[in-house]
Amino acid sequence: MNKQILLGKISQSLLDEAGKEAYDYSVNIFTIIQKDNHVNTSSLGSGTLVFINGKHAILTAFHVVDSRQFKESIKIGLNIRNDRHHYSLFSSQLQVIPIAKSISKSKGPDLALIYLPDDNIGILKANRSFWNISKFKNILEKHPLDYKCGIFILFGTPREQI
C-alpha cells in the first residue's frame, strides 16, 4: 500500500525530530590547509557516520573522495558540534573504499566508504552517533523494503564551488 504525505502536512515537531536524528549521524567533510600561521578550509560534501564490520566509517558520495581537493589534502576535517569545533585527521590515516562510481553527475549510485582510525575515535563518538549498518541489514533480511515507494532518504551538503 502506497501512502503519500505532503510535506506541508507533516508536523513541525516531527520535522524537528527527523532533523535532530540526521544531525546526530551526519558530518560535513572539509579539507584543512595550513600555510604559515593561517588555516584555510574548503567544504567537500557530507557523510553519514556508520559502524560496519566492527569499524567506524563515513558513508559518503564517491565524488567527494575522488575530488582533487580530497586527494591532495594532508588533513581532512569533520564538523562535530554547532560551533567551529572540528575533528581532524591526517589523510594518510584514512582508508577509502569505493563502492559505486556514478556514470554522470546526475545519475547514481555514487558511494564510497571512508574507514576511520580507531585511535581518538572517542572524541567523535562523544559528539556524534554511528549508525550500525549491520543491524539494519538484519532487519532488511526479515522485512524487505518496497523500493517502488520512491526515495527513502536524501541528505547531503554540496561542496563549495571553487
C-alpha atoms as a PDB file:
ATOM      1  CA  MET A   1       0.000   0.000   0.000  1.00  0.00           C
ATOM      2  CA  ASN A   2       1.462   3.336  -1.098  1.00  0.00           C
ATOM      3  CA  LYS A   3       0.518   6.294   1.042  1.00  0.00           C
ATOM      4  CA  GLN A   4       1.695   9.785   0.183  1.00  0.00           C
ATOM      5  CA  ILE A   5       2.084  12.520   2.759  1.00  0.00           C
ATOM      6  CA  LEU A   6       2.546  16.099   1.628  1.00  0.00           C
ATOM      7  CA  LEU A   7       5.498  17.835   3.271  1.00  0.00           C
ATOM      8  CA  GLY A   8       3.233  20.690   4.403  1.00  0.00           C
ATOM      9  CA  LYS A   9       1.080  18.195   6.322  1.00  0.00           C
ATOM     10  CA  ILE A  10       3.974  16.913   8.468  1.00  0.00           C
ATOM     11  CA  SER A  11       4.051  18.438  11.942  1.00  0.00           C
ATOM     12  CA  GLN A  12       6.918  20.767  12.833  1.00  0.00           C
ATOM     13  CA  SER A  13       7.799  18.588  15.836  1.00  0.00           C
ATOM     14  CA  LEU A  14       8.225  15.535  13.569  1.00  0.00           C
ATOM     15  CA  LEU A  15      10.375  17.559  11.153  1.00  0.00           C
ATOM     16  CA  ASP A  16      12.486  18.831  14.082  1.00  0.00           C
ATOM     17  CA  GLU A  17      12.919  15.275  15.380  1.00  0.00           C
ATOM     18  CA  ALA A  18      13.944  13.997  11.926  1.00  0.00           C
ATOM     19  CA  GLY A  19      16.445  16.851  11.626  1.00  0.00           C
ATOM     20  CA  LYS A  20      17.974  16.013  15.000  1.00  0.00           C
ATOM     21  CA  GLU A  21      18.265  12.347  14.028  1.00  0.00           C
ATOM     22  CA  ALA A  22      20.000  13.264  10.769  1.00  0.00           C
ATOM     23  CA  TYR A  23      22.305  15.706  12.581  1.00  0.00           C
ATOM     24  CA  ASP A  24      23.431  13.094  15.125  1.00  0.00           C
ATOM     25  CA  TYR A  25      24.726  10.783  12.370  1.00  0.00           C
ATOM     26  CA  SER A  26      25.941  13.372   9.847  1.00  0.00           C
ATOM     27  CA  VAL A  27      29.138  15.319   9.334  1.00  0.00           C
ATOM     28  CA  ASN A  28      30.393  17.896   6.874  1.00  0.00           C
ATOM     29  CA  ILE A  29      33.692  16.856   5.341  1.00  0.00           C
ATOM     30  CA  PHE A  30      36.251  19.554   4.557  1.00  0.00           C
ATOM     31  CA  THR A  31      39.916  19.991   3.717  1.00  0.00           C
ATOM     32  CA  ILE A  32      42.260  21.728   6.124  1.00  0.00           C
ATOM     33  CA  ILE A  33      45.153  23.605   4.563  1.00  0.00           C
ATOM     34  CA  GLN A  34      47.640  25.385   6.792  1.00  0.00           C
ATOM     35  CA  LYS A  35      50.074  27.888   5.331  1.00  0.00           C
ATOM     36  CA  ASP A  36      52.271  29.989   7.561  1.00  0.00           C
ATOM     37  CA  ASN A  37      50.056  30.653  10.598  1.00  0.00           C
ATOM     38  CA  HIS A  38      46.821  30.770   8.617  1.00  0.00           C
ATOM     39  CA  VAL A  39      44.325  27.898   8.267  1.00  0.00           C
ATOM     40  CA  ASN A  40      42.023  27.629   5.244  1.00  0.00           C
ATOM     41  CA  THR A  41      39.167  25.164   4.924  1.00  0.00           C
ATOM     42  CA  SER A  42      37.135  24.086   1.916  1.00  0.00           C
ATOM     43  CA  SER A  43      33.929  22.071   2.090  1.00  0.00           C
ATOM     44  CA  LEU A  44      33.959  18.805   0.140  1.00  0.00           C
ATOM     45  CA  GLY A  45      30.496  17.473   0.982  1.00  0.00           C
ATOM     46  CA  SER A  46      28.884  15.443   3.724  1.00  0.00           C
ATOM     47  CA  GLY A  47      28.673  11.924   5.040  1.00  0.00           C
ATOM     48  CA  THR A  48      26.826   9.631   7.394  1.00  0.00           C
ATOM     49  CA  LEU A  49      28.718   8.130  10.332  1.00  0.00           C
ATOM     50  CA  VAL A  50      28.333   4.363  10.262  1.00  0.00           C
ATOM     51  CA  PHE A  51      29.586   1.335  12.167  1.00  0.00           C
ATOM     52  CA  ILE A  52      30.177  -1.565   9.796  1.00  0.00           C
ATOM     53  CA  ASN A  53      32.081  -4.827  10.146  1.00  0.00           C
ATOM     54  CA  GLY A  54      33.313  -3.738  13.582  1.00  0.00           C
ATOM     55  CA  LYS A  55      34.797  -0.481  12.256  1.00  0.00           C
ATOM     56  CA  HIS A  56      33.821   3.184  12.367  1.00  0.00           C
ATOM     57  CA  ALA A  57      33.443   4.836   8.972  1.00  0.00           C
ATOM     58  CA  ILE A  58      31.835   7.605   6.935  1.00  0.00           C
ATOM     59  CA  LEU A  59      29.452   6.712   4.117  1.00  0.00           C
ATOM     60  CA  THR A  60      29.732   9.479   1.536  1.00  0.00           C
ATOM     61  CA  ALA A  61      29.470  10.168  -2.166  1.00  0.00           C
ATOM     62  CA  PHE A  62      32.236   8.730  -4.337  1.00  0.00           C
ATOM     63  CA  HIS A  63      32.781  12.133  -5.973  1.00  0.00           C
ATOM     64  CA  VAL A  64      33.791  13.519  -2.538  1.00  0.00           C
ATOM     65  CA  VAL A  65      36.752  11.123  -2.172  1.00  0.00           C
ATOM     66  CA  ASP A  66      37.505  11.274  -5.895  1.00  0.00           C
ATOM     67  CA  SER A  67      37.883  15.078  -5.853  1.00  0.00           C
ATOM     68  CA  ARG A  68      41.269  16.712  -6.384  1.00  0.00           C
ATOM     69  CA  GLN A  69      40.875  18.578  -3.063  1.00  0.00           C
ATOM     70  CA  PHE A  70      40.347  15.344  -1.093  1.00  0.00           C
ATOM     71  CA  LYS A  71      43.202  13.506  -2.825  1.00  0.00           C
ATOM     72  CA  GLU A  72      45.672  16.378  -2.365  1.00  0.00           C
ATOM     73  CA  SER A  73      44.693  17.305   1.190  1.00  0.00           C
ATOM     74  CA  ILE A  74      47.096  16.471   4.012  1.00  0.00           C
ATOM     75  CA  LYS A  75      44.317  16.843   6.618  1.00  0.00           C
ATOM     76  CA  ILE A  76      40.567  16.218   6.474  1.00  0.00           C
ATOM     77  CA  GLY A  77      38.172  17.822   8.963  1.00  0.00           C
ATOM     78  CA  LEU A  78      34.728  16.816  10.209  1.00  0.00           C
ATOM     79  CA  ASN A  79      32.338  19.135  11.996  1.00  0.00           C
ATOM     80  CA  ILE A  80      31.269  17.637  15.314  1.00  0.00           C
ATOM     81  CA  ARG A  81      29.322  20.440  17.012  1.00  0.00           C
ATOM     82  CA  ASN A  82      27.330  23.523  16.070  1.00  0.00           C
ATOM     83  CA  ASP A  83      30.252  25.807  16.865  1.00  0.00           C
ATOM     84  CA  ARG A  84      33.513  25.960  14.917  1.00  0.00           C
ATOM     85  CA  HIS A  85      34.950  22.931  16.745  1.00  0.00           C
ATOM     86  CA  HIS A  86      36.052  20.170  14.411  1.00  0.00           C
ATOM     87  CA  TYR A  87      37.721  16.778  14.411  1.00  0.00           C
ATOM     88  CA  SER A  88      40.684  16.465  12.086  1.00  0.00           C
ATOM     89  CA  LEU A  89      42.580  13.519  10.685  1.00  0.00           C
ATOM     90  CA  PHE A  90      45.645  13.149   8.531  1.00  0.00           C
ATOM     91  CA  SER A  91      44.559  11.855   5.136  1.00  0.00           C
ATOM     92  CA  SER A  92      47.179   9.112   5.428  1.00  0.00           C
ATOM     93  CA  GLN A  93      45.163   7.674   8.371  1.00  0.00           C
ATOM     94  CA  LEU A  94      42.073   7.126   6.216  1.00  0.00           C
ATOM     95  CA  GLN A  95      41.202   4.024   4.224  1.00  0.00           C
ATOM     96  CA  VAL A  96      38.890   4.825   1.306  1.00  0.00           C
ATOM     97  CA  ILE A  97      36.758   2.056  -0.194  1.00  0.00           C
ATOM     98  CA  PRO A  98      34.983   2.957  -3.450  1.00  0.00           C
ATOM     99  CA  ILE A  99      31.529   1.346  -3.556  1.00  0.00           C
ATOM    100  CA  ALA A 100      29.969   2.792  -6.716  1.00  0.00           C
ATOM    101  CA  LYS A 101      31.015   5.494  -9.156  1.00  0.00           C
ATOM    102  CA  SER A 102      28.219   7.275 -10.994  1.00  0.00           C
ATOM    103  CA  ILE A 103      28.217   7.326 -14.773  1.00  0.00           C
ATOM    104  CA  SER A 104      27.334  11.031 -14.834  1.00  0.00           C
ATOM    105  CA  LYS A 105      26.873  13.909 -12.369  1.00  0.00           C
ATOM    106  CA  SER A 106      23.121  13.344 -12.156  1.00  0.00           C
ATOM    107  CA  LYS A 107      22.969   9.528 -12.241  1.00  0.00           C
ATOM    108  CA  GLY A 108      23.825   7.366  -9.217  1.00  0.00           C
ATOM    109  CA  PRO A 109      24.771   5.356  -7.376  1.00  0.00           C
ATOM    110  CA  ASP A 110      27.681   7.447  -6.150  1.00  0.00           C
ATOM    111  CA  LEU A 111      29.023   5.926  -2.906  1.00  0.00           C
ATOM    112  CA  ALA A 112      32.268   5.443  -1.010  1.00  0.00           C
ATOM    113  CA  LEU A 113      33.224   4.394   2.499  1.00  0.00           C
ATOM    114  CA  ILE A 114      35.970   6.116   4.494  1.00  0.00           C
ATOM    115  CA  TYR A 115      37.229   3.919   7.342  1.00  0.00           C
ATOM    116  CA  LEU A 116      38.345   5.980  10.340  1.00  0.00           C
ATOM    117  CA  PRO A 117      41.330   5.101  12.555  1.00  0.00           C
ATOM    118  CA  ASP A 118      40.486   3.630  15.980  1.00  0.00           C
ATOM    119  CA  ASP A 119      42.748   5.990  17.919  1.00  0.00           C
ATOM    120  CA  ASN A 120      40.946   9.094  19.214  1.00  0.00           C
ATOM    121  CA  ILE A 121      37.571   7.878  17.893  1.00  0.00           C
ATOM    122  CA  GLY A 122      36.176   8.645  21.370  1.00  0.00           C
ATOM    123  CA  ILE A 123      36.224  12.387  20.635  1.00  0.00           C
ATOM    124  CA  LEU A 124      33.995  11.860  17.621  1.00  0.00           C
ATOM    125  CA  LYS A 125      31.735   9.371  19.445  1.00  0.00           C
ATOM    126  CA  ALA A 126      31.270  11.833  22.330  1.00  0.00           C
ATOM    127  CA  ASN A 127      29.729  14.366  19.928  1.00  0.00           C
ATOM    128  CA  ARG A 128      28.066  12.226  17.247  1.00  0.00           C
ATOM    129  CA  SER A 129      26.495   8.795  16.776  1.00  0.00           C
ATOM    130  CA  PHE A 130      27.428   5.968  14.424  1.00  0.00           C
ATOM    131  CA  TRP A 131      24.600   4.144  12.663  1.00  0.00           C
ATOM    132  CA  ASN A 132      25.121   0.374  12.900  1.00  0.00           C
ATOM    133  CA  ILE A 133      24.520  -0.741   9.318  1.00  0.00           C
ATOM    134  CA  SER A 134      24.869  -4.414  10.262  1.00  0.00           C
ATOM    135  CA  LYS A 135      21.723  -4.185  12.413  1.00  0.00           C
ATOM    136  CA  PHE A 136      19.828  -2.550   9.537  1.00  0.00           C
ATOM    137  CA  LYS A 137      20.923  -5.341   7.198  1.00  0.00           C
ATOM    138  CA  ASN A 138      19.481  -7.933   9.589  1.00  0.00           C
ATOM    139  CA  ILE A 139      16.163  -6.022   9.707  1.00  0.00           C
ATOM    140  CA  LEU A 140      16.022  -5.803   5.896  1.00  0.00           C
ATOM    141  CA  GLU A 141      16.534  -9.542   5.571  1.00  0.00           C
ATOM    142  CA  LYS A 142      13.415 -10.111   7.707  1.00  0.00           C
ATOM    143  CA  HIS A 143      11.370  -7.153   6.357  1.00  0.00           C
ATOM    144  CA  PRO A 144      12.437  -6.137   2.830  1.00  0.00           C
ATOM    145  CA  LEU A 145      11.713  -2.575   1.698  1.00  0.00           C
ATOM    146  CA  ASP A 146       9.373  -1.877  -1.193  1.00  0.00           C
ATOM    147  CA  TYR A 147      11.685   0.114  -3.450  1.00  0.00           C
ATOM    148  CA  LYS A 148       8.753   1.119  -5.692  1.00  0.00           C
ATOM    149  CA  CYS A 149       7.702   3.609  -2.976  1.00  0.00           C
ATOM    150  CA  GLY A 150      10.376   6.108  -4.014  1.00  0.00           C
ATOM    151  CA  ILE A 151      13.282   7.798  -2.279  1.00  0.00           C
ATOM    152  CA  PHE A 152      13.690   6.915   1.390  1.00  0.00           C
ATOM    153  CA  ILE A 153      16.388   9.381   2.479  1.00  0.00           C
ATOM    154  CA  LEU A 154      18.133  12.121   0.581  1.00  0.00           C
ATOM    155  CA  PHE A 155      20.614  14.131   2.605  1.00  0.00           C
ATOM    156  CA  GLY A 156      23.783  15.971   1.829  1.00  0.00           C
ATOM    157  CA  THR A 157      25.802  19.141   1.856  1.00  0.00           C
ATOM    158  CA  PRO A 158      27.017  20.402  -1.504  1.00  0.00           C
ATOM    159  CA  ARG A 159      30.708  21.168  -1.704  1.00  0.00           C
ATOM    160  CA  GLU A 160      31.889  24.684  -2.350  1.00  0.00           C
ATOM    161  CA  GLN A 161      32.396  25.592  -5.982  1.00  0.00           C
ATOM    162  CA  ILE A 162      35.976  26.778  -6.344  1.00  0.00           C
END
